[in-house]
Amino acid sequence: MAGSGPGGQSPQGGRTLRWGVVATGRIAHKVTRDLARLEDAQLHAVSSRSQGSARAFAEHGFAASYHDGPSGSGYQQLFADPRVDVVYVATPHAQHFEVVRAALEAGKHVLCEKPFTVNASEARELVQLAGERDLFLMEAVWTRFLPATRRALELIRGGTIGTVRWVQADLGFPAAYDPADRLWDPAAGGGALLDLAVYPLTWAVAALGFPQRLTAQGHLNQDGVDVQNTLTLKYPEGAAAQLTSSLQAAGPGMATISGTAGWIRTGSPLFNPRTLEICGLDGRIEVEDFHEEAEGFIHELRETARCIRAGLQESPLMPWNETVQVMELLDQAREQLGLRYANDLREAGT
């Protein structure tokens, strides 16, 4: 278990934050391994639907575990624990709105997995609630916080490749069809768009900002889940981005940012690049490496802790308005693809 100094103080001099983790899937295991590396974090509680899963996950070093039962859902019990300061939500994204809203209403700070919600209406309501409760809330788009990403943005903003004119990014893998798997389950918000497109969009928005127009093309399967899509983003003066996400085919999984004075290409996978290639007009390619021991989630976790200690409600690296605007782009794409989810059928907040 991550430790603390005397009197509950972290080695950095700030209050040790006691974390709760909601859900025990694969991503939760990965993030928790990085969370355990933080000297100013205490693994306090985990919740799951089943007692077995909660207890098994608690072996990461959690002091308490909660599960669904007569006392209510596991996450409701976790939120009622006064010793929990901040929660990491790793449920399927169709459940994010319900779980995050309950956490905020219980007075907990929240780090929520991507995509933040299923639609922009849900995202706006959660942001409003966090503001009203004076709580920290952030979408866990871990790519935004990685050293390679921050270095790429430093180069772009410093003019190394001139004015950016186009971005190309893709992410895909052939996923075996299984209607019970969250990737293919409409009730869980399945499909390539919500699960994968956030990452290509991250690079396009970082390099070019938000577009004037988005055009989406793709294919839905017999269950109404998108198996592949291509988003084309149009910007002033002809700048553009083309982004593909797929559950049908493997791609290079890279992002290329091209400008008037050169280009930058990420290593693969673009959601956790360990290299950057930088090329100028002379054709010489320089490679920068970003290898580290941790998974890479540690950077968003550190930022969460920093912001909470500083009394911030949102991170300047992942501000609320950008989370909402990305969800609005995904709403536009879904409208064009004819992609509907149960979350769209109810009024947010009911």
Protein backbone atom coordinates (compact mmCIF):
# COMPACT_ATOMS: atom_id res chain seq x y z
CA MET A 1 0.00 0.00 0.00
CA ALA A 2 1.25 3.47 -0.77
CA GLY A 3 2.43 5.08 2.44
CA SER A 4 2.24 8.40 4.19
CA GLY A 5 4.41 10.41 6.55
CA PRO A 6 3.71 11.24 10.18
CA GLY A 7 0.25 12.63 10.93
CA GLY A 8 -1.19 11.61 7.58
CA GLN A 9 1.18 13.86 5.65
CA SER A 10 2.70 12.76 2.36
CA PRO A 11 6.48 12.92 1.86
CA GLN A 12 5.82 15.97 -0.34
CA GLY A 13 4.26 17.76 2.62
CA GLY A 14 0.63 17.59 1.53
CA ARG A 15 -2.21 15.60 3.02
CA THR A 16 -2.26 11.98 1.95
CA LEU A 17 -5.33 11.34 -0.19
CA ARG A 18 -7.37 8.23 0.48
CA TRP A 19 -8.57 6.66 -2.76
CA GLY A 20 -11.56 4.55 -3.62
CA VAL A 21 -11.79 2.56 -6.87
CA VAL A 22 -15.16 1.75 -8.44
CA ALA A 23 -15.17 -1.42 -10.61
CA THR A 24 -12.53 -4.12 -10.89
CA GLY A 25 -11.98 -4.65 -14.60
CA ARG A 26 -8.73 -4.73 -16.56
CA ILE A 27 -8.23 -0.95 -16.71
CA ALA A 28 -8.83 -0.64 -12.96
CA HIS A 29 -6.04 -3.14 -12.28
CA LYS A 30 -3.62 -1.20 -14.48
CA VAL A 31 -4.45 2.19 -13.01
CA THR A 32 -4.30 0.86 -9.45
CA ARG A 33 -0.78 -0.49 -10.00
CA ASP A 34 0.31 3.05 -10.82
CA LEU A 35 -1.76 4.51 -8.00
CA ALA A 36 0.13 2.29 -5.55
CA ARG A 37 3.36 3.95 -6.70
CA LEU A 38 2.28 7.38 -5.48
CA GLU A 39 3.82 8.33 -2.15
CA ASP A 40 0.93 10.68 -1.36
CA ALA A 41 -1.87 8.18 -2.01
CA GLN A 42 -3.49 5.58 0.22
CA LEU A 43 -5.43 2.70 -1.32
CA HIS A 44 -8.44 2.71 0.97
CA ALA A 45 -11.49 1.07 -0.63
CA VAL A 46 -12.68 -0.77 -3.72
CA SER A 47 -16.19 -1.66 -4.85
CA SER A 48 -17.54 -4.28 -7.23
CA ARG A 49 -20.85 -5.93 -7.96
CA SER A 50 -19.60 -9.25 -6.58
CA GLN A 51 -18.03 -9.99 -3.23
CA GLY A 52 -15.41 -12.24 -4.80
CA SER A 53 -14.22 -9.61 -7.25
CA ALA A 54 -14.10 -6.91 -4.59
CA ARG A 55 -12.11 -9.06 -2.17
CA ALA A 56 -9.72 -10.26 -4.87
CA PHE A 57 -9.08 -6.70 -6.04
CA ALA A 58 -8.49 -5.57 -2.46
CA GLU A 59 -5.31 -7.66 -2.54
CA HIS A 60 -3.71 -4.68 -4.31
CA GLY A 61 -3.49 -3.28 -0.78
CA PHE A 62 -6.92 -1.77 -0.10
CA ALA A 63 -8.08 -1.56 3.49
CA ALA A 64 -11.78 -2.07 2.66
CA SER A 65 -13.92 -3.69 -0.02
CA TYR A 66 -17.61 -3.25 -0.81
CA HIS A 67 -20.00 -5.21 -3.01
CA ASP A 68 -23.65 -5.23 -4.02
CA GLY A 69 -25.95 -6.59 -1.31
CA PRO A 70 -28.72 -5.78 1.15
CA SER A 71 -26.90 -2.59 2.17
CA GLY A 72 -27.07 -1.27 -1.39
CA SER A 73 -24.71 -1.23 -4.34
CA GLY A 74 -21.02 -1.56 -3.71
CA TYR A 75 -20.26 1.91 -4.99
CA GLN A 76 -22.96 3.50 -2.81
CA GLN A 77 -21.38 1.88 0.24
CA LEU A 78 -17.95 3.10 -0.84
CA PHE A 79 -19.25 6.66 -1.27
CA ALA A 80 -20.75 6.50 2.22
CA ASP A 81 -17.31 5.73 3.67
CA PRO A 82 -16.14 9.01 5.27
CA ARG A 83 -12.51 7.95 4.94
CA VAL A 84 -12.58 8.11 1.12
CA ASP A 85 -11.40 11.46 -0.30
CA VAL A 86 -11.32 10.79 -4.04
CA VAL A 87 -12.68 8.04 -6.27
CA TYR A 88 -11.51 6.62 -9.57
CA VAL A 89 -14.45 5.38 -11.68
CA ALA A 90 -13.65 2.52 -14.06
CA THR A 91 -17.12 1.18 -14.89
CA PRO A 92 -18.31 0.73 -18.51
CA HIS A 93 -19.02 4.21 -19.87
CA ALA A 94 -22.81 3.82 -19.97
CA GLN A 95 -22.64 3.76 -16.15
CA HIS A 96 -20.34 6.77 -15.74
CA PHE A 97 -23.10 9.34 -15.39
CA GLU A 98 -24.98 7.49 -12.66
CA VAL A 99 -21.86 6.56 -10.68
CA VAL A 100 -20.08 9.92 -10.96
CA ARG A 101 -23.24 11.81 -10.03
CA ALA A 102 -23.61 9.64 -6.91
CA ALA A 103 -19.97 10.24 -5.98
CA LEU A 104 -20.30 14.01 -6.32
CA GLU A 105 -23.54 14.03 -4.34
CA ALA A 106 -21.67 12.15 -1.60
CA GLY A 107 -18.98 14.85 -1.54
CA LYS A 108 -16.19 12.88 -3.23
CA HIS A 109 -13.65 14.21 -5.72
CA VAL A 110 -13.74 12.17 -8.94
CA LEU A 111 -11.39 10.93 -11.64
CA CYS A 112 -13.57 9.22 -14.28
CA GLU A 113 -12.41 7.00 -17.13
CA LYS A 114 -12.87 8.05 -20.71
CA PRO A 115 -15.18 8.57 -22.47
CA PHE A 116 -16.46 10.81 -19.70
CA THR A 117 -20.11 10.02 -20.44
CA VAL A 118 -22.22 8.67 -23.30
CA ASN A 119 -23.42 12.10 -24.42
CA ALA A 120 -22.72 15.78 -23.89
CA SER A 121 -25.90 16.38 -21.90
CA GLU A 122 -24.68 14.00 -19.21
CA ALA A 123 -21.24 15.64 -19.24
CA ARG A 124 -22.67 19.13 -18.79
CA GLU A 125 -24.79 18.03 -15.84
CA LEU A 126 -21.83 16.42 -14.05
CA VAL A 127 -19.66 19.48 -14.59
CA GLN A 128 -22.43 21.71 -13.22
CA LEU A 129 -22.83 19.47 -10.17
CA ALA A 130 -19.09 19.45 -9.44
CA GLY A 131 -19.09 23.23 -9.64
CA GLU A 132 -22.03 23.52 -7.27
CA ARG A 133 -20.43 21.12 -4.77
CA ASP A 134 -16.96 22.68 -5.07
CA LEU A 135 -15.42 19.32 -5.95
CA PHE A 136 -12.64 18.26 -8.28
CA LEU A 137 -13.75 16.36 -11.38
CA MET A 138 -11.65 15.19 -14.32
CA GLU A 139 -11.91 12.84 -17.28
CA ALA A 140 -9.11 10.27 -17.23
CA VAL A 141 -7.74 10.77 -20.73
CA TRP A 142 -4.31 9.60 -19.63
CA THR A 143 -2.71 10.44 -23.00
CA ARG A 144 -3.12 14.14 -22.25
CA PHE A 145 -0.70 13.89 -19.31
CA LEU A 146 2.07 11.75 -20.78
CA PRO A 147 5.58 13.22 -21.21
CA ALA A 148 5.56 12.41 -24.93
CA THR A 149 2.27 14.24 -25.47
CA ARG A 150 3.37 17.27 -23.51
CA ARG A 151 6.65 17.37 -25.41
CA ALA A 152 4.83 17.16 -28.76
CA LEU A 153 2.62 20.09 -27.76
CA GLU A 154 5.68 22.06 -26.65
CA LEU A 155 7.23 21.53 -30.09
CA ILE A 156 4.01 22.41 -31.92
CA ARG A 157 3.37 25.56 -29.91
CA GLY A 158 7.01 26.54 -30.21
CA GLY A 159 6.76 26.56 -34.01
CA THR A 160 9.11 23.63 -34.64
CA ILE A 161 6.92 22.33 -37.49
CA GLY A 162 5.47 25.68 -38.48
CA THR A 163 1.71 26.09 -38.82
CA VAL A 164 -0.15 22.80 -38.48
CA ARG A 165 -2.21 22.04 -41.59
CA TRP A 166 -3.35 18.46 -41.12
CA VAL A 167 -3.48 15.59 -38.63
CA GLN A 168 -3.88 11.91 -39.35
CA ALA A 169 -4.48 9.44 -36.52
CA ASP A 170 -5.86 5.93 -36.20
CA LEU A 171 -6.52 3.29 -33.59
CA GLY A 172 -7.90 -0.15 -34.27
CA PHE A 173 -7.71 -3.86 -33.62
CA PRO A 174 -9.72 -6.88 -34.79
CA ALA A 175 -12.03 -7.68 -31.86
CA ALA A 176 -13.81 -11.02 -31.89
CA TYR A 177 -17.56 -10.49 -31.82
CA ASP A 178 -19.07 -11.31 -28.44
CA PRO A 179 -22.46 -9.73 -27.67
CA ALA A 180 -21.78 -10.16 -23.93
CA ASP A 181 -18.54 -8.18 -24.08
CA ARG A 182 -18.78 -4.45 -23.29
CA LEU A 183 -17.15 -3.59 -26.65
CA TRP A 184 -20.14 -5.04 -28.49
CA ASP A 185 -22.91 -4.39 -25.96
CA PRO A 186 -25.19 -1.43 -26.81
CA ALA A 187 -26.32 -1.27 -23.17
CA ALA A 188 -22.70 -0.66 -22.13
CA GLY A 189 -22.12 2.01 -24.81
CA GLY A 190 -20.17 -0.40 -26.99
CA GLY A 191 -18.56 0.36 -30.32
CA ALA A 192 -15.38 1.79 -31.78
CA LEU A 193 -16.44 5.43 -31.53
CA LEU A 194 -16.88 5.82 -27.78
CA ASP A 195 -14.21 3.31 -26.85
CA LEU A 196 -11.39 4.30 -29.21
CA ALA A 197 -12.03 7.59 -31.02
CA VAL A 198 -11.17 9.69 -27.96
CA TYR A 199 -7.48 9.00 -28.59
CA PRO A 200 -7.24 10.13 -32.23
CA LEU A 201 -9.44 13.10 -31.28
CA THR A 202 -7.01 13.96 -28.48
CA TRP A 203 -4.20 14.50 -30.98
CA ALA A 204 -6.35 16.43 -33.45
CA VAL A 205 -7.73 18.78 -30.81
CA ALA A 206 -4.30 19.25 -29.23
CA ALA A 207 -2.73 20.22 -32.55
CA LEU A 208 -5.57 22.11 -34.28
CA GLY A 209 -8.18 22.87 -31.63
CA PHE A 210 -11.89 22.24 -32.12
CA PRO A 211 -13.13 22.12 -35.72
CA GLN A 212 -15.65 24.20 -37.60
CA ARG A 213 -17.26 21.06 -39.00
CA LEU A 214 -17.18 17.31 -38.42
CA THR A 215 -18.19 14.64 -40.93
CA ALA A 216 -18.55 11.02 -39.85
CA GLN A 217 -18.71 7.83 -41.89
CA GLY A 218 -18.86 4.30 -40.59
CA HIS A 219 -20.64 0.99 -40.33
CA LEU A 220 -23.02 -0.39 -37.71
CA ASN A 221 -23.47 -4.10 -37.06
CA GLN A 222 -26.72 -5.99 -36.54
CA ASP A 223 -26.87 -4.81 -32.92
CA GLY A 224 -26.58 -1.15 -33.85
CA VAL A 225 -22.97 -0.89 -32.62
CA ASP A 226 -20.38 0.87 -34.78
CA VAL A 227 -17.55 -1.43 -35.82
CA GLN A 228 -15.52 1.17 -37.70
CA ASN A 229 -15.67 4.90 -38.30
CA THR A 230 -13.77 7.72 -39.93
CA LEU A 231 -14.09 11.29 -38.71
CA THR A 232 -13.07 14.21 -40.90
CA LEU A 233 -12.54 17.51 -39.10
CA LYS A 234 -12.47 20.76 -41.08
CA TYR A 235 -10.77 23.95 -39.88
CA PRO A 236 -10.33 27.52 -41.16
CA GLU A 237 -8.19 28.04 -44.25
CA GLY A 238 -8.35 24.38 -45.24
CA ALA A 239 -6.66 22.71 -42.29
CA ALA A 240 -8.07 19.23 -41.63
CA ALA A 241 -7.81 16.05 -39.62
CA GLN A 242 -8.75 12.51 -40.59
CA LEU A 243 -9.27 10.06 -37.76
CA THR A 244 -10.14 6.37 -37.90
CA SER A 245 -11.12 3.93 -35.16
CA SER A 246 -11.95 0.30 -35.77
CA LEU A 247 -12.93 -2.96 -34.11
CA GLN A 248 -12.38 -4.75 -37.43
CA ALA A 249 -8.80 -4.08 -38.43
CA ALA A 250 -5.36 -3.47 -36.98
CA GLY A 251 -3.74 -0.19 -37.92
CA PRO A 252 -0.38 1.45 -37.22
CA GLY A 253 -1.92 3.23 -34.23
CA MET A 254 0.03 6.44 -34.75
CA ALA A 255 -0.68 10.15 -35.00
CA THR A 256 1.06 12.37 -37.55
CA ILE A 257 0.92 16.14 -37.18
CA SER A 258 2.02 17.95 -40.33
CA GLY A 259 2.91 21.61 -40.61
CA THR A 260 4.42 24.13 -42.97
CA ALA A 261 7.93 23.46 -41.62
CA GLY A 262 7.87 19.73 -40.90
CA TRP A 263 6.04 16.96 -39.11
CA ILE A 264 5.83 15.03 -35.85
CA ARG A 265 4.85 11.38 -35.62
CA THR A 266 4.08 9.49 -32.45
CA GLY A 267 5.22 5.99 -31.75
CA SER A 268 2.62 3.25 -31.52
CA PRO A 269 0.26 3.06 -29.75
CA LEU A 270 -0.72 6.71 -29.98
CA PHE A 271 -2.49 6.53 -26.61
CA ASN A 272 0.83 5.79 -24.86
CA PRO A 273 3.67 6.71 -27.21
CA ARG A 274 7.20 6.10 -25.97
CA THR A 275 8.85 7.83 -28.93
CA LEU A 276 8.38 10.93 -31.09
CA GLU A 277 9.82 11.41 -34.57
CA ILE A 278 10.43 15.03 -35.53
CA CYS A 279 11.26 15.90 -39.14
CA GLY A 280 12.06 19.29 -40.65
CA LEU A 281 12.06 20.41 -44.26
CA ASP A 282 15.62 19.10 -44.66
CA GLY A 283 14.30 15.56 -44.26
CA ARG A 284 16.36 14.73 -41.19
CA ILE A 285 14.42 12.75 -38.60
CA GLU A 286 15.20 13.13 -34.92
CA VAL A 287 13.85 10.60 -32.44
CA GLU A 288 13.08 11.37 -28.80
CA ASP A 289 12.48 8.53 -26.32
CA PHE A 290 10.14 8.58 -23.32
CA HIS A 291 10.61 5.27 -21.56
CA GLU A 292 9.52 4.86 -17.94
CA GLU A 293 8.82 2.08 -15.48
CA ALA A 294 5.20 2.91 -14.68
CA GLU A 295 2.28 2.11 -16.98
CA GLY A 296 1.78 5.79 -17.75
CA PHE A 297 -1.39 6.35 -15.72
CA ILE A 298 0.71 7.78 -12.92
CA HIS A 299 0.79 11.20 -14.61
CA GLU A 300 -2.99 11.74 -14.55
CA LEU A 301 -3.07 10.46 -10.97
CA ARG A 302 -0.40 12.94 -9.90
CA GLU A 303 -2.30 15.73 -11.61
CA THR A 304 -5.50 14.74 -9.80
CA ALA A 305 -3.73 14.83 -6.43
CA ARG A 306 -2.03 18.15 -7.26
CA CYS A 307 -5.30 19.81 -8.21
CA ILE A 308 -7.18 18.57 -5.16
CA ARG A 309 -4.47 19.83 -2.82
CA ALA A 310 -4.44 23.16 -4.62
CA GLY A 311 -8.21 23.50 -4.18
CA LEU A 312 -8.88 23.34 -7.93
CA GLN A 313 -12.12 22.01 -9.36
CA GLU A 314 -10.65 21.21 -12.75
CA SER A 315 -7.22 20.60 -14.24
CA PRO A 316 -5.76 23.12 -16.67
CA LEU A 317 -4.44 20.14 -18.63
CA MET A 318 -7.90 18.53 -18.97
CA PRO A 319 -10.43 21.35 -18.42
CA TRP A 320 -14.16 20.74 -18.21
CA ASN A 321 -14.97 22.73 -21.34
CA GLU A 322 -12.75 20.47 -23.46
CA THR A 323 -14.31 17.32 -22.04
CA VAL A 324 -17.78 18.67 -22.87
CA GLN A 325 -16.74 19.82 -26.35
CA VAL A 326 -15.27 16.41 -27.17
CA MET A 327 -18.54 14.80 -26.09
CA GLU A 328 -20.36 17.26 -28.37
CA LEU A 329 -18.17 16.13 -31.28
CA LEU A 330 -18.96 12.50 -30.48
CA ASP A 331 -22.67 13.40 -30.35
CA GLN A 332 -22.38 14.90 -33.83
CA ALA A 333 -20.61 11.79 -35.09
CA ARG A 334 -23.23 9.48 -33.58
CA GLU A 335 -26.03 11.52 -35.12
CA GLN A 336 -24.49 11.10 -38.56
CA LEU A 337 -23.78 7.40 -38.02
CA GLY A 338 -27.27 6.72 -36.65
CA LEU A 339 -25.76 5.43 -33.40
CA ARG A 340 -28.16 5.52 -30.43
CA TYR A 341 -27.83 4.40 -26.83
CA ALA A 342 -30.30 3.97 -23.97
CA ASN A 343 -28.67 6.92 -22.17
CA ASP A 344 -29.91 9.20 -24.96
CA LEU A 345 -33.52 8.29 -24.24
CA ARG A 346 -33.74 9.68 -20.76
CA GLU A 347 -33.43 13.22 -19.54
CA ALA A 348 -30.04 13.71 -17.89
CA GLY A 349 -30.55 14.01 -14.18
CA THR A 350 -33.65 11.82 -13.93
